[in-house]
Amino acid sequence: MANSIDVTAANFEQEVLNADTAVLLKFWAPWCGPCKMMAPVVDEVADEKGDNLKVVSINVDDAPEIAAEHGVRGVPTVMLFKSGAKVASLVGAQSKSQLTQFIDQNA
């Protein structure tokens, strides 16, 4: 997997809830400075864990209903989904080691 996949309300169910592997979902916004800082970290993790983990991103401005449905109150927020269910979440910018540890503990 080269980078994370952009998800919208239209393909959220297919890409996240019906995925065959664990999914790391990043909620972000174009105006969010910490989101921009975290983007390359998420891309690195996507490259490294791509065989066992699907990494997707969703813009909260484009899909506020998805963000609200999953209780997102701040961005960036990352969530881990397994078998269509949210198993863990983190709010705020994360370092690569923090994000990798989060995935390893929950995936």
N, C-alpha and C. Protein backbone atom coordinates (compact mmCIF):
# COMPACT_ATOMS: atom_id res chain seq x y z
N MET A 1 0.86 -1.18 0.00
CA MET A 1 0.00 0.00 0.00
C MET A 1 0.90 1.23 0.00
N ALA A 2 0.70 2.09 -0.95
CA ALA A 2 1.56 3.26 -1.08
C ALA A 2 1.26 4.30 0.00
N ASN A 3 0.03 4.65 0.16
CA ASN A 3 -0.38 5.64 1.15
C ASN A 3 -1.78 5.30 1.63
N SER A 4 -2.32 6.17 2.43
CA SER A 4 -3.67 5.94 2.90
C SER A 4 -4.68 6.22 1.80
N ILE A 5 -5.82 5.60 1.91
CA ILE A 5 -6.91 5.74 0.96
C ILE A 5 -7.85 6.82 1.47
N ASP A 6 -8.29 7.71 0.58
CA ASP A 6 -9.27 8.72 0.96
C ASP A 6 -10.66 8.08 0.97
N VAL A 7 -11.35 8.27 2.08
CA VAL A 7 -12.69 7.70 2.25
C VAL A 7 -13.70 8.84 2.33
N THR A 8 -14.88 8.59 1.79
CA THR A 8 -15.98 9.54 1.85
C THR A 8 -17.18 8.85 2.49
N ALA A 9 -18.24 9.60 2.69
CA ALA A 9 -19.46 8.99 3.21
C ALA A 9 -19.97 7.91 2.26
N ALA A 10 -19.74 8.09 0.96
CA ALA A 10 -20.23 7.15 -0.04
C ALA A 10 -19.54 5.80 0.02
N ASN A 11 -18.24 5.77 0.35
CA ASN A 11 -17.54 4.49 0.36
C ASN A 11 -17.05 4.06 1.75
N PHE A 12 -17.50 4.74 2.80
CA PHE A 12 -17.07 4.43 4.16
C PHE A 12 -17.40 2.99 4.54
N GLU A 13 -18.61 2.57 4.29
CA GLU A 13 -19.02 1.21 4.67
C GLU A 13 -18.16 0.17 3.96
N GLN A 14 -17.96 0.35 2.67
CA GLN A 14 -17.17 -0.61 1.89
C GLN A 14 -15.71 -0.63 2.34
N GLU A 15 -15.10 0.55 2.50
CA GLU A 15 -13.67 0.63 2.78
C GLU A 15 -13.31 0.34 4.25
N VAL A 16 -14.22 0.66 5.17
CA VAL A 16 -13.90 0.52 6.60
C VAL A 16 -14.68 -0.64 7.23
N LEU A 17 -15.99 -0.56 7.18
CA LEU A 17 -16.80 -1.54 7.90
C LEU A 17 -16.76 -2.93 7.28
N ASN A 18 -16.59 -3.02 5.97
CA ASN A 18 -16.57 -4.31 5.30
C ASN A 18 -15.17 -4.77 4.92
N ALA A 19 -14.15 -4.15 5.46
CA ALA A 19 -12.77 -4.49 5.11
C ALA A 19 -12.40 -5.88 5.63
N ASP A 20 -11.52 -6.55 4.90
CA ASP A 20 -11.07 -7.89 5.26
C ASP A 20 -9.98 -7.88 6.33
N THR A 21 -9.33 -6.74 6.51
CA THR A 21 -8.25 -6.62 7.49
C THR A 21 -8.60 -5.53 8.50
N ALA A 22 -7.75 -5.38 9.49
CA ALA A 22 -7.91 -4.26 10.43
C ALA A 22 -7.73 -2.96 9.65
N VAL A 23 -8.43 -1.92 10.10
CA VAL A 23 -8.40 -0.62 9.41
C VAL A 23 -8.02 0.46 10.40
N LEU A 24 -7.02 1.25 10.01
CA LEU A 24 -6.67 2.46 10.76
C LEU A 24 -7.33 3.62 10.03
N LEU A 25 -8.24 4.29 10.71
CA LEU A 25 -8.99 5.40 10.12
C LEU A 25 -8.53 6.70 10.75
N LYS A 26 -8.08 7.63 9.91
CA LYS A 26 -7.65 8.94 10.39
C LYS A 26 -8.69 9.98 10.00
N PHE A 27 -9.24 10.67 10.99
CA PHE A 27 -10.12 11.81 10.76
C PHE A 27 -9.25 13.05 10.75
N TRP A 28 -9.39 13.90 9.73
CA TRP A 28 -8.54 15.07 9.58
C TRP A 28 -9.35 16.21 8.94
N ALA A 29 -8.73 17.37 8.86
CA ALA A 29 -9.33 18.53 8.18
C ALA A 29 -8.21 19.33 7.53
N PRO A 30 -8.49 19.95 6.38
CA PRO A 30 -7.44 20.68 5.66
C PRO A 30 -6.92 21.90 6.42
N TRP A 31 -7.69 22.44 7.34
CA TRP A 31 -7.29 23.62 8.10
C TRP A 31 -6.55 23.25 9.40
N CYS A 32 -6.35 21.97 9.65
CA CYS A 32 -5.79 21.48 10.91
C CYS A 32 -4.27 21.32 10.80
N GLY A 33 -3.52 22.16 11.51
CA GLY A 33 -2.06 22.09 11.50
C GLY A 33 -1.51 20.76 11.99
N PRO A 34 -1.97 20.25 13.16
CA PRO A 34 -1.49 18.96 13.62
C PRO A 34 -1.80 17.81 12.65
N CYS A 35 -2.91 17.93 11.91
CA CYS A 35 -3.25 16.91 10.91
C CYS A 35 -2.19 16.89 9.80
N LYS A 36 -1.77 18.08 9.38
CA LYS A 36 -0.75 18.17 8.33
C LYS A 36 0.58 17.61 8.82
N MET A 37 0.91 17.85 10.09
CA MET A 37 2.14 17.32 10.65
C MET A 37 2.09 15.79 10.75
N MET A 38 0.92 15.25 11.00
CA MET A 38 0.78 13.81 11.21
C MET A 38 0.65 13.03 9.89
N ALA A 39 0.30 13.70 8.80
CA ALA A 39 0.07 13.01 7.52
C ALA A 39 1.25 12.14 7.09
N PRO A 40 2.49 12.66 7.10
CA PRO A 40 3.60 11.80 6.68
C PRO A 40 3.82 10.60 7.61
N VAL A 41 3.50 10.76 8.89
CA VAL A 41 3.62 9.67 9.85
C VAL A 41 2.64 8.56 9.48
N VAL A 42 1.41 8.94 9.19
CA VAL A 42 0.40 7.96 8.79
C VAL A 42 0.80 7.27 7.49
N ASP A 43 1.36 8.03 6.55
CA ASP A 43 1.81 7.44 5.29
C ASP A 43 2.93 6.42 5.52
N GLU A 44 3.87 6.74 6.40
CA GLU A 44 4.95 5.80 6.72
C GLU A 44 4.40 4.52 7.32
N VAL A 45 3.48 4.66 8.25
CA VAL A 45 2.88 3.49 8.89
C VAL A 45 2.10 2.67 7.85
N ALA A 46 1.42 3.36 6.94
CA ALA A 46 0.68 2.66 5.87
C ALA A 46 1.64 1.84 5.02
N ASP A 47 2.80 2.41 4.70
CA ASP A 47 3.80 1.69 3.91
C ASP A 47 4.33 0.47 4.66
N GLU A 48 4.59 0.63 5.94
CA GLU A 48 5.21 -0.44 6.72
C GLU A 48 4.24 -1.55 7.11
N LYS A 49 3.00 -1.20 7.36
CA LYS A 49 2.04 -2.18 7.86
C LYS A 49 0.97 -2.54 6.83
N GLY A 50 1.20 -2.12 5.60
CA GLY A 50 0.20 -2.28 4.55
C GLY A 50 -0.27 -3.69 4.28
N ASP A 51 0.56 -4.70 4.59
CA ASP A 51 0.16 -6.08 4.34
C ASP A 51 -0.90 -6.55 5.34
N ASN A 52 -0.88 -6.00 6.54
CA ASN A 52 -1.77 -6.46 7.60
C ASN A 52 -2.78 -5.41 8.05
N LEU A 53 -2.68 -4.23 7.48
CA LEU A 53 -3.50 -3.11 7.95
C LEU A 53 -3.88 -2.22 6.78
N LYS A 54 -5.14 -1.90 6.69
CA LYS A 54 -5.62 -0.95 5.69
C LYS A 54 -5.65 0.42 6.36
N VAL A 55 -5.06 1.42 5.73
CA VAL A 55 -5.01 2.76 6.30
C VAL A 55 -5.84 3.69 5.42
N VAL A 56 -6.84 4.34 6.04
CA VAL A 56 -7.73 5.23 5.31
C VAL A 56 -7.85 6.56 6.04
N SER A 57 -8.18 7.60 5.29
CA SER A 57 -8.35 8.94 5.86
C SER A 57 -9.69 9.51 5.43
N ILE A 58 -10.31 10.27 6.32
CA ILE A 58 -11.58 10.91 5.99
C ILE A 58 -11.54 12.37 6.45
N ASN A 59 -11.91 13.26 5.54
CA ASN A 59 -11.96 14.69 5.81
C ASN A 59 -13.27 14.99 6.55
N VAL A 60 -13.17 15.49 7.77
CA VAL A 60 -14.38 15.74 8.57
C VAL A 60 -15.25 16.84 7.98
N ASP A 61 -14.65 17.74 7.21
CA ASP A 61 -15.45 18.79 6.57
C ASP A 61 -16.32 18.22 5.45
N ASP A 62 -15.84 17.17 4.79
CA ASP A 62 -16.57 16.54 3.69
C ASP A 62 -17.56 15.49 4.17
N ALA A 63 -17.34 14.95 5.36
CA ALA A 63 -18.21 13.89 5.88
C ALA A 63 -18.49 14.10 7.37
N PRO A 64 -19.12 15.23 7.72
CA PRO A 64 -19.37 15.50 9.14
C PRO A 64 -20.26 14.46 9.80
N GLU A 65 -21.13 13.83 9.02
CA GLU A 65 -22.02 12.82 9.59
C GLU A 65 -21.25 11.58 10.05
N ILE A 66 -20.20 11.22 9.33
CA ILE A 66 -19.38 10.07 9.74
C ILE A 66 -18.62 10.42 11.02
N ALA A 67 -18.05 11.62 11.06
CA ALA A 67 -17.33 12.07 12.26
C ALA A 67 -18.26 12.09 13.47
N ALA A 68 -19.45 12.63 13.30
CA ALA A 68 -20.41 12.70 14.41
C ALA A 68 -20.84 11.31 14.86
N GLU A 69 -21.08 10.43 13.91
CA GLU A 69 -21.52 9.07 14.22
C GLU A 69 -20.48 8.33 15.07
N HIS A 70 -19.21 8.66 14.89
CA HIS A 70 -18.14 7.98 15.61
C HIS A 70 -17.59 8.81 16.77
N GLY A 71 -18.29 9.88 17.11
CA GLY A 71 -17.94 10.65 18.30
C GLY A 71 -16.67 11.47 18.18
N VAL A 72 -16.29 11.84 16.97
CA VAL A 72 -15.08 12.64 16.78
C VAL A 72 -15.36 14.07 17.23
N ARG A 73 -14.57 14.53 18.20
CA ARG A 73 -14.74 15.89 18.72
C ARG A 73 -13.56 16.77 18.40
N GLY A 74 -12.47 16.16 17.95
CA GLY A 74 -11.27 16.91 17.61
C GLY A 74 -10.48 16.18 16.55
N VAL A 75 -9.69 16.92 15.81
CA VAL A 75 -8.84 16.31 14.80
C VAL A 75 -7.39 16.71 15.04
N PRO A 76 -6.45 15.86 14.73
CA PRO A 76 -6.65 14.53 14.17
C PRO A 76 -7.12 13.52 15.22
N THR A 77 -7.94 12.60 14.78
CA THR A 77 -8.35 11.45 15.58
C THR A 77 -8.09 10.21 14.74
N VAL A 78 -7.49 9.20 15.34
CA VAL A 78 -7.31 7.93 14.65
C VAL A 78 -8.11 6.87 15.40
N MET A 79 -8.71 5.98 14.62
CA MET A 79 -9.48 4.87 15.17
C MET A 79 -9.04 3.59 14.50
N LEU A 80 -9.10 2.52 15.26
CA LEU A 80 -8.79 1.21 14.72
C LEU A 80 -10.07 0.40 14.67
N PHE A 81 -10.37 -0.15 13.51
CA PHE A 81 -11.55 -0.98 13.30
C PHE A 81 -11.13 -2.41 13.00
N LYS A 82 -11.84 -3.37 13.59
CA LYS A 82 -11.65 -4.78 13.27
C LYS A 82 -13.03 -5.39 13.06
N SER A 83 -13.18 -6.10 11.97
CA SER A 83 -14.45 -6.75 11.64
C SER A 83 -15.61 -5.76 11.69
N GLY A 84 -15.37 -4.54 11.23
CA GLY A 84 -16.42 -3.53 11.15
C GLY A 84 -16.73 -2.81 12.44
N ALA A 85 -16.01 -3.10 13.52
CA ALA A 85 -16.28 -2.47 14.80
C ALA A 85 -15.06 -1.67 15.27
N LYS A 86 -15.33 -0.51 15.85
CA LYS A 86 -14.24 0.31 16.41
C LYS A 86 -13.73 -0.37 17.67
N VAL A 87 -12.41 -0.58 17.73
CA VAL A 87 -11.83 -1.22 18.91
C VAL A 87 -10.99 -0.27 19.76
N ALA A 88 -10.54 0.83 19.16
CA ALA A 88 -9.73 1.78 19.92
C ALA A 88 -9.66 3.10 19.17
N SER A 89 -9.36 4.17 19.91
CA SER A 89 -9.19 5.48 19.27
C SER A 89 -8.18 6.32 20.05
N LEU A 90 -7.58 7.25 19.34
CA LEU A 90 -6.63 8.21 19.90
C LEU A 90 -6.96 9.59 19.34
N VAL A 91 -6.89 10.62 20.18
CA VAL A 91 -7.14 11.98 19.73
C VAL A 91 -5.85 12.77 19.83
N GLY A 92 -5.58 13.56 18.80
CA GLY A 92 -4.40 14.41 18.80
C GLY A 92 -3.30 13.83 17.92
N ALA A 93 -2.34 14.69 17.59
CA ALA A 93 -1.22 14.27 16.76
C ALA A 93 -0.40 13.23 17.51
N GLN A 94 0.04 12.22 16.78
CA GLN A 94 0.82 11.12 17.37
C GLN A 94 2.15 10.99 16.63
N SER A 95 3.18 10.63 17.35
CA SER A 95 4.46 10.32 16.71
C SER A 95 4.35 8.95 16.05
N LYS A 96 5.32 8.63 15.22
CA LYS A 96 5.32 7.33 14.57
C LYS A 96 5.37 6.21 15.60
N SER A 97 6.19 6.35 16.63
CA SER A 97 6.29 5.30 17.65
C SER A 97 4.98 5.16 18.43
N GLN A 98 4.33 6.28 18.73
CA GLN A 98 3.04 6.22 19.44
C GLN A 98 1.98 5.53 18.58
N LEU A 99 1.94 5.89 17.30
CA LEU A 99 0.96 5.31 16.40
C LEU A 99 1.22 3.82 16.18
N THR A 100 2.48 3.45 16.02
CA THR A 100 2.83 2.04 15.84
C THR A 100 2.47 1.24 17.08
N GLN A 101 2.75 1.78 18.25
CA GLN A 101 2.40 1.09 19.50
C GLN A 101 0.89 0.93 19.62
N PHE A 102 0.13 1.97 19.28
CA PHE A 102 -1.33 1.92 19.31
C PHE A 102 -1.84 0.79 18.42
N ILE A 103 -1.29 0.69 17.21
CA ILE A 103 -1.71 -0.35 16.27
C ILE A 103 -1.33 -1.73 16.80
N ASP A 104 -0.09 -1.87 17.25
CA ASP A 104 0.38 -3.17 17.73
C ASP A 104 -0.43 -3.67 18.93
N GLN A 105 -0.86 -2.77 19.78
CA GLN A 105 -1.62 -3.15 20.97
C GLN A 105 -3.07 -3.50 20.65
N ASN A 106 -3.60 -2.98 19.54
CA ASN A 106 -5.03 -3.11 19.28
C ASN A 106 -5.41 -3.86 18.01
N ALA A 107 -4.48 -4.05 17.11
CA ALA A 107 -4.84 -4.68 15.81
C ALA A 107 -4.94 -6.19 15.92
